N, C-alpha and C. Protein backbone atom coordinates (compact mmCIF):
# COMPACT_ATOMS: atom_id res chain seq x y z
N UNK A 1 0.85 -1.18 0.00
CA UNK A 1 0.00 0.00 0.00
C UNK A 1 0.89 1.24 0.00
N UNK A 2 0.63 2.13 -0.94
CA UNK A 2 1.36 3.39 -1.04
C UNK A 2 0.57 4.48 -0.34
N UNK A 3 1.21 5.16 0.60
CA UNK A 3 0.53 6.18 1.39
C UNK A 3 1.00 7.56 0.95
N UNK A 4 0.06 8.47 0.78
CA UNK A 4 0.34 9.84 0.34
C UNK A 4 -0.17 10.83 1.37
N UNK A 5 0.52 11.94 1.48
CA UNK A 5 0.03 13.09 2.25
C UNK A 5 -0.44 14.08 1.20
N UNK A 6 -1.73 14.41 1.22
CA UNK A 6 -2.28 15.25 0.17
C UNK A 6 -3.42 16.10 0.69
N UNK A 7 -3.98 16.92 -0.20
CA UNK A 7 -5.08 17.81 0.17
C UNK A 7 -6.42 17.15 -0.14
N UNK A 8 -7.38 17.40 0.72
CA UNK A 8 -8.76 16.97 0.52
C UNK A 8 -9.62 18.22 0.59
N UNK A 9 -10.43 18.47 -0.43
CA UNK A 9 -11.19 19.72 -0.50
C UNK A 9 -12.48 19.63 0.29
N UNK A 10 -12.74 20.66 1.08
CA UNK A 10 -14.01 20.84 1.79
C UNK A 10 -14.43 22.29 1.59
N UNK A 11 -15.60 22.63 2.04
CA UNK A 11 -16.07 24.00 1.86
C UNK A 11 -17.10 24.07 0.76
N UNK A 12 -17.66 25.26 0.60
CA UNK A 12 -18.70 25.46 -0.39
C UNK A 12 -18.11 25.79 -1.75
N UNK A 13 -19.01 25.93 -2.72
CA UNK A 13 -18.60 26.29 -4.07
C UNK A 13 -17.92 27.65 -4.05
N UNK A 14 -16.76 27.74 -4.68
CA UNK A 14 -15.95 28.95 -4.79
C UNK A 14 -15.37 29.44 -3.47
N UNK A 15 -15.47 28.64 -2.41
CA UNK A 15 -14.84 28.99 -1.13
C UNK A 15 -14.11 27.74 -0.61
N UNK A 16 -13.01 27.39 -1.25
CA UNK A 16 -12.33 26.15 -0.87
C UNK A 16 -11.57 26.27 0.44
N UNK A 17 -11.63 25.22 1.20
CA UNK A 17 -10.78 25.01 2.36
C UNK A 17 -10.27 23.58 2.20
N UNK A 18 -9.02 23.35 2.50
CA UNK A 18 -8.44 22.04 2.30
C UNK A 18 -8.00 21.43 3.62
N UNK A 19 -8.20 20.13 3.75
CA UNK A 19 -7.63 19.38 4.86
C UNK A 19 -6.37 18.71 4.34
N UNK A 20 -5.36 18.68 5.19
CA UNK A 20 -4.13 17.96 4.85
C UNK A 20 -4.28 16.58 5.47
N UNK A 21 -4.36 15.56 4.62
CA UNK A 21 -4.69 14.22 5.08
C UNK A 21 -3.65 13.20 4.64
N UNK A 22 -3.62 12.10 5.35
CA UNK A 22 -2.82 10.94 4.97
C UNK A 22 -3.81 9.91 4.43
N UNK A 23 -3.59 9.45 3.20
CA UNK A 23 -4.53 8.53 2.57
C UNK A 23 -3.80 7.54 1.68
N UNK A 24 -4.46 6.43 1.40
CA UNK A 24 -3.96 5.47 0.43
C UNK A 24 -3.97 6.15 -0.93
N UNK A 25 -2.94 5.97 -1.71
CA UNK A 25 -2.83 6.67 -3.00
C UNK A 25 -3.92 6.24 -3.98
N UNK A 26 -4.54 5.08 -3.75
CA UNK A 26 -5.59 4.60 -4.66
C UNK A 26 -6.96 5.16 -4.33
N UNK A 27 -7.14 5.76 -3.17
CA UNK A 27 -8.45 6.30 -2.80
C UNK A 27 -8.69 7.64 -3.49
N UNK A 28 -9.96 8.01 -3.74
CA UNK A 28 -10.25 9.29 -4.39
C UNK A 28 -9.87 10.48 -3.53
N UNK A 29 -9.80 11.67 -4.15
CA UNK A 29 -9.35 12.89 -3.47
C UNK A 29 -10.11 13.14 -2.16
N UNK A 30 -11.41 13.06 -2.20
CA UNK A 30 -12.22 13.32 -1.01
C UNK A 30 -12.75 12.03 -0.39
N UNK A 31 -12.08 10.94 -0.67
CA UNK A 31 -12.53 9.63 -0.18
C UNK A 31 -12.00 9.31 1.21
N UNK A 32 -11.84 8.03 1.46
CA UNK A 32 -11.43 7.53 2.76
C UNK A 32 -10.00 7.98 3.09
N UNK A 33 -9.81 8.46 4.32
CA UNK A 33 -8.50 8.91 4.76
C UNK A 33 -8.04 8.09 5.95
N UNK A 34 -6.75 8.04 6.15
CA UNK A 34 -6.18 7.34 7.31
C UNK A 34 -6.14 8.28 8.51
N UNK A 35 -5.67 9.52 8.27
CA UNK A 35 -5.57 10.48 9.37
C UNK A 35 -5.58 11.91 8.83
N UNK A 36 -6.21 12.79 9.57
CA UNK A 36 -6.25 14.21 9.24
C UNK A 36 -5.15 14.89 10.05
N UNK A 37 -4.18 15.54 9.37
CA UNK A 37 -3.05 16.12 10.11
C UNK A 37 -2.99 17.64 10.04
N UNK A 38 -3.93 18.28 9.35
CA UNK A 38 -3.88 19.74 9.30
C UNK A 38 -4.92 20.32 8.38
N UNK A 39 -4.81 21.65 8.18
CA UNK A 39 -5.72 22.32 7.26
C UNK A 39 -5.01 23.49 6.60
N UNK A 40 -5.57 23.89 5.44
CA UNK A 40 -5.00 24.96 4.63
C UNK A 40 -6.14 25.78 4.05
N UNK A 41 -6.11 27.10 4.30
CA UNK A 41 -7.12 28.00 3.77
C UNK A 41 -6.42 29.07 2.93
N UNK A 42 -6.47 28.93 1.60
CA UNK A 42 -5.76 29.88 0.74
C UNK A 42 -6.45 31.24 0.61
N UNK A 43 -7.69 31.36 1.07
CA UNK A 43 -8.43 32.60 0.91
C UNK A 43 -8.06 33.65 1.94
N UNK A 44 -7.53 33.25 3.07
CA UNK A 44 -7.14 34.22 4.10
C UNK A 44 -5.87 34.94 3.67
N UNK A 45 -5.65 36.10 4.25
CA UNK A 45 -4.44 36.87 3.93
C UNK A 45 -3.65 37.10 5.20
N UNK A 46 -2.51 36.54 5.46
CA UNK A 46 -1.84 35.53 4.65
C UNK A 46 -2.55 34.18 4.77
N UNK A 47 -2.24 33.27 3.87
CA UNK A 47 -2.88 31.95 3.85
C UNK A 47 -2.69 31.23 5.18
N UNK A 48 -3.76 30.59 5.65
CA UNK A 48 -3.72 29.83 6.90
C UNK A 48 -3.17 28.44 6.62
N UNK A 49 -2.11 28.08 7.31
CA UNK A 49 -1.52 26.75 7.19
C UNK A 49 -1.35 26.21 8.61
N UNK A 50 -2.12 25.20 8.95
CA UNK A 50 -2.00 24.54 10.26
C UNK A 50 -1.67 23.08 10.02
N UNK A 51 -0.51 22.65 10.54
CA UNK A 51 -0.08 21.26 10.38
C UNK A 51 0.41 20.76 11.73
N UNK A 52 -0.05 19.57 12.13
CA UNK A 52 0.45 18.93 13.33
C UNK A 52 1.83 18.36 12.99
N UNK A 53 2.87 19.04 13.45
CA UNK A 53 4.24 18.69 13.06
C UNK A 53 4.64 17.27 13.47
N UNK A 54 4.24 16.84 14.66
CA UNK A 54 4.64 15.51 15.12
C UNK A 54 4.02 14.43 14.25
N UNK A 55 2.74 14.58 13.91
CA UNK A 55 2.08 13.58 13.05
C UNK A 55 2.67 13.59 11.65
N UNK A 56 2.96 14.78 11.12
CA UNK A 56 3.54 14.88 9.79
C UNK A 56 4.91 14.20 9.74
N UNK A 57 5.74 14.47 10.75
CA UNK A 57 7.07 13.84 10.79
C UNK A 57 6.97 12.32 10.94
N UNK A 58 6.00 11.85 11.76
CA UNK A 58 5.82 10.41 11.92
C UNK A 58 5.50 9.75 10.58
N UNK A 59 4.57 10.35 9.83
CA UNK A 59 4.18 9.77 8.55
C UNK A 59 5.29 9.86 7.52
N UNK A 60 6.04 10.94 7.53
CA UNK A 60 7.17 11.05 6.60
C UNK A 60 8.24 10.02 6.94
N UNK A 61 8.47 9.78 8.23
CA UNK A 61 9.44 8.76 8.65
C UNK A 61 8.99 7.36 8.27
N UNK A 62 7.67 7.13 8.24
CA UNK A 62 7.13 5.83 7.85
C UNK A 62 7.15 5.62 6.34
N UNK A 63 7.47 6.68 5.58
CA UNK A 63 7.58 6.53 4.13
C UNK A 63 6.46 7.14 3.33
N UNK A 64 5.58 7.91 3.95
CA UNK A 64 4.50 8.57 3.21
C UNK A 64 5.07 9.63 2.28
N UNK A 65 4.56 9.70 1.07
CA UNK A 65 5.04 10.64 0.08
C UNK A 65 4.09 11.83 -0.01
N UNK A 66 4.57 13.07 0.20
CA UNK A 66 3.70 14.24 0.07
C UNK A 66 3.48 14.59 -1.40
N UNK A 67 2.30 15.12 -1.71
CA UNK A 67 2.05 15.63 -3.06
C UNK A 67 2.89 16.89 -3.25
N UNK A 68 2.95 17.41 -4.47
CA UNK A 68 3.76 18.61 -4.73
C UNK A 68 3.30 19.79 -3.89
N UNK A 69 1.99 19.99 -3.83
CA UNK A 69 1.44 21.12 -3.08
C UNK A 69 1.72 20.97 -1.59
N UNK A 70 1.51 19.79 -1.06
CA UNK A 70 1.75 19.55 0.37
C UNK A 70 3.24 19.68 0.67
N UNK A 71 4.10 19.27 -0.23
CA UNK A 71 5.54 19.42 -0.01
C UNK A 71 5.91 20.89 0.12
N UNK A 72 5.28 21.75 -0.69
CA UNK A 72 5.53 23.18 -0.59
C UNK A 72 5.02 23.73 0.74
N UNK A 73 3.84 23.28 1.18
CA UNK A 73 3.30 23.74 2.46
C UNK A 73 4.18 23.28 3.62
N UNK A 74 4.68 22.05 3.55
CA UNK A 74 5.57 21.55 4.60
C UNK A 74 6.87 22.35 4.62
N UNK A 75 7.37 22.73 3.45
CA UNK A 75 8.60 23.53 3.39
C UNK A 75 8.38 24.91 4.02
N UNK A 76 7.21 25.49 3.80
CA UNK A 76 6.90 26.79 4.39
C UNK A 76 6.91 26.70 5.91
N UNK A 77 6.41 25.59 6.45
CA UNK A 77 6.36 25.39 7.90
C UNK A 77 7.68 24.84 8.46
N UNK A 78 8.64 24.52 7.59
CA UNK A 78 9.94 24.02 8.05
C UNK A 78 9.95 22.55 8.40
N UNK A 79 9.05 21.79 7.82
CA UNK A 79 8.97 20.35 8.06
C UNK A 79 9.45 19.65 6.81
N UNK A 80 10.39 18.73 6.96
CA UNK A 80 10.84 17.98 5.78
C UNK A 80 11.28 16.60 6.17
């Protein structure tokens, strides 16, 4: 099983809010998740990025691969 750290979209039409989740790479974008580790709101100024650092590091140590967008968000927060 390949595990990814990626964004899951929530919110209303034209007002996106994203959850940063750990999920099986075969599951759909808004489908079943293993764990919710944070959230991202691009509409706020500056953008809101909340990530549970300990959970993110645990999953990265276990071999979870972040998507490109999540990798950028982790870099902004200093997690790698």
